[in-house]
C-alpha cells in the first residue's frame, strides 16, 4: 500500500509542476502562451522596454525551469521514500 501512496505522490508532483510553471510564466513574467497585445500597446508611446532585471529573470526562468523541476523532484523523491518505506516481508 505504501508503494501506491508513493507513486500517487510522484504523480501529484508532476501535476503540480505542470500547473505551477505555466502560471508562473503567465502571472510573474507576463509570457502568454497565445499572442495578445499588452495594455500598453494601445498607448501612443508604446510599451517601455523591460528592465535588465526583468530580462535576466526571464532568461534564467526559461532555461532553469527544467533543471529546477528535476532537482526539486529528486529531493521530493528522497523525502517521500524516507517517509513511506516498504516494510520487509
N, C-alpha and C. Protein backbone atom coordinates (compact mmCIF):
# COMPACT_ATOMS: atom_id res chain seq x y z
N UNK A 1 0.82 -1.19 0.00
CA UNK A 1 0.00 0.00 0.00
C UNK A 1 0.87 1.27 0.00
N UNK A 2 2.01 1.19 0.68
CA UNK A 2 2.88 2.35 0.72
C UNK A 2 3.46 2.67 -0.65
N UNK A 3 3.65 1.64 -1.46
CA UNK A 3 4.17 1.87 -2.80
C UNK A 3 3.16 2.66 -3.64
N UNK A 4 1.88 2.34 -3.47
CA UNK A 4 0.83 3.05 -4.20
C UNK A 4 0.80 4.52 -3.77
N UNK A 5 0.92 4.75 -2.47
CA UNK A 5 0.93 6.12 -1.97
C UNK A 5 2.12 6.88 -2.52
N UNK A 6 3.29 6.24 -2.56
CA UNK A 6 4.47 6.89 -3.11
C UNK A 6 4.25 7.30 -4.56
N UNK A 7 3.72 6.39 -5.37
CA UNK A 7 3.52 6.72 -6.78
C UNK A 7 2.44 7.76 -6.98
N UNK A 8 1.45 7.77 -6.12
CA UNK A 8 0.44 8.83 -6.21
C UNK A 8 1.04 10.19 -5.84
N UNK A 9 1.96 10.20 -4.88
CA UNK A 9 2.64 11.45 -4.55
C UNK A 9 3.54 11.92 -5.69
N UNK A 10 4.22 10.98 -6.35
CA UNK A 10 5.04 11.35 -7.52
C UNK A 10 4.16 11.93 -8.62
N UNK A 11 3.03 11.31 -8.84
CA UNK A 11 2.10 11.80 -9.86
C UNK A 11 1.58 13.18 -9.49
N UNK A 12 1.30 13.41 -8.21
CA UNK A 12 0.82 14.72 -7.79
C UNK A 12 1.90 15.79 -8.00
N UNK A 13 3.17 15.43 -7.82
CA UNK A 13 4.25 16.38 -8.08
C UNK A 13 4.24 16.80 -9.55
N UNK A 14 4.06 15.84 -10.43
CA UNK A 14 4.04 16.15 -11.87
C UNK A 14 2.87 17.06 -12.20
N UNK A 15 1.71 16.76 -11.65
CA UNK A 15 0.52 17.58 -11.93
C UNK A 15 0.73 19.01 -11.40
N UNK A 16 1.28 19.12 -10.20
CA UNK A 16 1.52 20.45 -9.64
C UNK A 16 2.54 21.21 -10.48
N UNK A 17 3.59 20.53 -10.94
CA UNK A 17 4.59 21.20 -11.77
C UNK A 17 4.00 21.65 -13.10
N UNK A 18 3.13 20.83 -13.68
CA UNK A 18 2.51 21.20 -14.95
C UNK A 18 1.54 22.37 -14.81
N UNK A 19 1.05 22.60 -13.61
CA UNK A 19 0.16 23.74 -13.37
C UNK A 19 0.97 24.96 -12.92
N UNK A 20 1.96 24.74 -12.06
CA UNK A 20 2.69 25.85 -11.45
C UNK A 20 3.56 26.61 -12.44
N UNK A 21 4.29 25.90 -13.31
CA UNK A 21 5.19 26.60 -14.23
C UNK A 21 4.44 27.49 -15.22
N UNK A 22 3.38 27.01 -15.86
CA UNK A 22 2.65 27.94 -16.76
C UNK A 22 2.06 29.14 -16.01
N UNK A 23 1.57 28.92 -14.79
CA UNK A 23 1.06 30.05 -14.02
C UNK A 23 2.16 31.04 -13.69
N UNK A 24 3.33 30.54 -13.36
CA UNK A 24 4.47 31.42 -13.09
C UNK A 24 4.84 32.23 -14.33
N UNK A 25 4.90 31.56 -15.47
CA UNK A 25 5.27 32.27 -16.70
C UNK A 25 4.21 33.30 -17.10
N UNK A 26 2.96 33.00 -16.86
CA UNK A 26 1.89 33.93 -17.24
C UNK A 26 1.78 35.08 -16.24
N UNK A 27 1.72 34.76 -14.94
CA UNK A 27 1.45 35.78 -13.94
C UNK A 27 2.67 36.59 -13.53
N UNK A 28 3.83 35.96 -13.41
CA UNK A 28 5.01 36.68 -12.94
C UNK A 28 5.78 37.30 -14.09
N UNK A 29 6.04 36.51 -15.11
CA UNK A 29 6.87 37.00 -16.22
C UNK A 29 6.06 37.68 -17.31
N UNK A 30 4.78 37.43 -17.36
CA UNK A 30 3.96 38.04 -18.39
C UNK A 30 4.11 37.41 -19.75
N UNK A 31 4.65 36.20 -19.78
CA UNK A 31 4.80 35.48 -21.05
C UNK A 31 3.51 34.70 -21.26
N UNK A 32 2.76 35.12 -22.27
CA UNK A 32 1.48 34.48 -22.53
C UNK A 32 1.65 33.37 -23.55
N UNK A 33 0.92 32.26 -23.38
CA UNK A 33 1.04 31.15 -24.32
C UNK A 33 0.31 31.41 -25.63
N UNK A 34 -0.30 32.54 -25.78
CA UNK A 34 -1.02 32.88 -27.01
C UNK A 34 -0.72 34.33 -27.35
N UNK A 35 -0.76 34.67 -28.61
CA UNK A 35 -0.46 36.06 -28.97
C UNK A 35 -1.55 37.01 -28.46
N UNK A 36 -1.10 38.02 -27.75
CA UNK A 36 -2.05 39.02 -27.21
C UNK A 36 -1.32 40.34 -27.11
N UNK A 37 -2.06 41.40 -27.23
CA UNK A 37 -1.48 42.73 -27.11
C UNK A 37 -1.56 43.15 -25.65
N UNK A 38 -0.43 43.55 -25.05
CA UNK A 38 -0.50 44.07 -23.69
C UNK A 38 -1.23 45.41 -23.67
N UNK A 39 -1.62 45.83 -22.50
CA UNK A 39 -2.42 47.06 -22.38
C UNK A 39 -1.64 48.28 -22.88
N UNK A 40 -0.32 48.26 -22.71
CA UNK A 40 0.47 49.43 -23.13
C UNK A 40 0.62 49.52 -24.65
N UNK A 41 0.24 48.49 -25.38
CA UNK A 41 0.39 48.51 -26.83
C UNK A 41 -0.54 49.55 -27.47
N UNK A 42 -1.58 49.93 -26.77
CA UNK A 42 -2.54 50.87 -27.33
C UNK A 42 -2.18 52.33 -27.02
N UNK A 43 -1.13 52.55 -26.23
CA UNK A 43 -0.69 53.91 -25.94
C UNK A 43 0.16 54.42 -27.11
N UNK A 44 0.25 55.74 -27.25
CA UNK A 44 1.00 56.31 -28.36
C UNK A 44 2.49 56.03 -28.24
N UNK A 45 3.01 56.06 -27.02
CA UNK A 45 4.44 55.84 -26.82
C UNK A 45 4.83 54.37 -26.94
N UNK A 46 3.85 53.48 -26.88
CA UNK A 46 4.15 52.06 -26.96
C UNK A 46 4.59 51.51 -25.61
N UNK A 47 5.00 50.28 -25.62
CA UNK A 47 5.43 49.62 -24.39
C UNK A 47 6.88 49.98 -24.09
N UNK A 48 7.17 50.25 -22.82
CA UNK A 48 8.57 50.50 -22.47
C UNK A 48 9.35 49.20 -22.52
N UNK A 49 10.62 49.27 -22.85
CA UNK A 49 11.42 48.03 -22.86
C UNK A 49 11.57 47.49 -21.44
N UNK A 50 11.64 46.18 -21.29
CA UNK A 50 11.79 45.62 -19.96
C UNK A 50 13.14 46.00 -19.36
N UNK A 51 13.17 46.08 -18.04
CA UNK A 51 14.43 46.43 -17.37
C UNK A 51 15.41 45.27 -17.49
N UNK A 52 16.65 45.55 -17.17
CA UNK A 52 17.69 44.49 -17.23
C UNK A 52 17.37 43.36 -16.27
N UNK A 53 16.83 43.72 -15.09
CA UNK A 53 16.46 42.69 -14.12
C UNK A 53 15.37 41.77 -14.66
N UNK A 54 14.34 42.35 -15.28
CA UNK A 54 13.26 41.55 -15.86
C UNK A 54 13.79 40.66 -16.97
N UNK A 55 14.66 41.19 -17.79
CA UNK A 55 15.22 40.40 -18.89
C UNK A 55 16.04 39.22 -18.35
N UNK A 56 16.88 39.49 -17.36
CA UNK A 56 17.69 38.41 -16.77
C UNK A 56 16.80 37.38 -16.09
N UNK A 57 15.76 37.84 -15.38
CA UNK A 57 14.83 36.92 -14.71
C UNK A 57 14.13 36.02 -15.72
N UNK A 58 13.73 36.58 -16.84
CA UNK A 58 13.06 35.76 -17.87
C UNK A 58 14.00 34.70 -18.43
N UNK A 59 15.22 35.09 -18.75
CA UNK A 59 16.17 34.13 -19.32
C UNK A 59 16.48 33.02 -18.33
N UNK A 60 16.75 33.40 -17.08
CA UNK A 60 17.06 32.39 -16.06
C UNK A 60 15.85 31.48 -15.83
N UNK A 61 14.65 32.04 -15.80
CA UNK A 61 13.45 31.24 -15.57
C UNK A 61 13.19 30.27 -16.71
N UNK A 62 13.36 30.73 -17.93
CA UNK A 62 13.09 29.87 -19.08
C UNK A 62 14.08 28.72 -19.14
N UNK A 63 15.37 29.03 -19.00
CA UNK A 63 16.37 27.97 -19.11
C UNK A 63 16.57 27.19 -17.81
N UNK A 64 16.05 27.69 -16.71
CA UNK A 64 16.20 27.00 -15.44
C UNK A 64 14.98 26.22 -14.99
N UNK A 65 13.90 26.29 -15.75
CA UNK A 65 12.67 25.62 -15.32
C UNK A 65 12.84 24.11 -15.24
N UNK A 66 13.39 23.51 -16.26
CA UNK A 66 13.54 22.06 -16.26
C UNK A 66 14.57 21.59 -15.24
N UNK A 67 15.77 22.18 -15.17
CA UNK A 67 16.70 21.73 -14.13
C UNK A 67 16.16 21.94 -12.72
N UNK A 68 15.47 23.04 -12.47
CA UNK A 68 14.90 23.28 -11.15
C UNK A 68 13.84 22.25 -10.81
N UNK A 69 13.01 21.90 -11.78
CA UNK A 69 11.97 20.90 -11.55
C UNK A 69 12.59 19.54 -11.27
N UNK A 70 13.60 19.17 -12.02
CA UNK A 70 14.27 17.88 -11.81
C UNK A 70 14.93 17.85 -10.43
N UNK A 71 15.61 18.92 -10.06
CA UNK A 71 16.26 18.97 -8.76
C UNK A 71 15.23 18.90 -7.62
N UNK A 72 14.15 19.63 -7.76
CA UNK A 72 13.09 19.55 -6.75
C UNK A 72 12.51 18.15 -6.67
N UNK A 73 12.32 17.49 -7.83
CA UNK A 73 11.77 16.15 -7.81
C UNK A 73 12.71 15.16 -7.13
N UNK A 74 14.02 15.32 -7.34
CA UNK A 74 14.98 14.42 -6.70
C UNK A 74 14.86 14.52 -5.19
N UNK A 75 14.82 15.74 -4.65
CA UNK A 75 14.70 15.89 -3.20
C UNK A 75 13.31 15.48 -2.70
N UNK A 76 12.28 15.74 -3.50
CA UNK A 76 10.94 15.30 -3.14
C UNK A 76 10.88 13.78 -3.09
N UNK A 77 11.49 13.13 -4.05
CA UNK A 77 11.51 11.66 -4.10
C UNK A 77 12.25 11.09 -2.89
N UNK A 78 13.37 11.69 -2.53
CA UNK A 78 14.10 11.24 -1.34
C UNK A 78 13.25 11.39 -0.08
N UNK A 79 12.55 12.50 0.02
CA UNK A 79 11.69 12.72 1.18
C UNK A 79 10.55 11.70 1.22
N UNK A 80 9.92 11.46 0.08
CA UNK A 80 8.81 10.50 0.03
C UNK A 80 9.30 9.10 0.36
N UNK A 81 10.43 8.71 -0.18
CA UNK A 81 10.95 7.36 0.10
C UNK A 81 11.33 7.19 1.57
N UNK A 82 11.81 8.26 2.22
CA UNK A 82 12.14 8.15 3.64
C UNK A 82 10.88 8.07 4.50
N UNK A 83 9.81 8.71 4.06
CA UNK A 83 8.55 8.68 4.82
C UNK A 83 7.76 7.39 4.62
N UNK A 84 7.78 6.86 3.40
CA UNK A 84 6.95 5.70 3.07
C UNK A 84 7.83 4.53 2.64
N UNK A 85 8.64 4.03 3.55
CA UNK A 85 9.50 2.90 3.25
C UNK A 85 8.67 1.62 3.20
N UNK A 86 9.04 0.74 2.28
CA UNK A 86 8.40 -0.57 2.23
C UNK A 86 8.86 -1.41 3.40
N UNK A 87 7.94 -2.12 3.99
CA UNK A 87 8.28 -2.99 5.09
C UNK A 87 8.73 -4.34 4.54
N UNK A 88 9.79 -4.94 5.12
CA UNK A 88 10.24 -6.24 4.64
C UNK A 88 9.20 -7.32 4.94
N UNK A 89 9.09 -8.25 4.03
CA UNK A 89 8.08 -9.32 4.18
C UNK A 89 8.61 -10.44 5.02
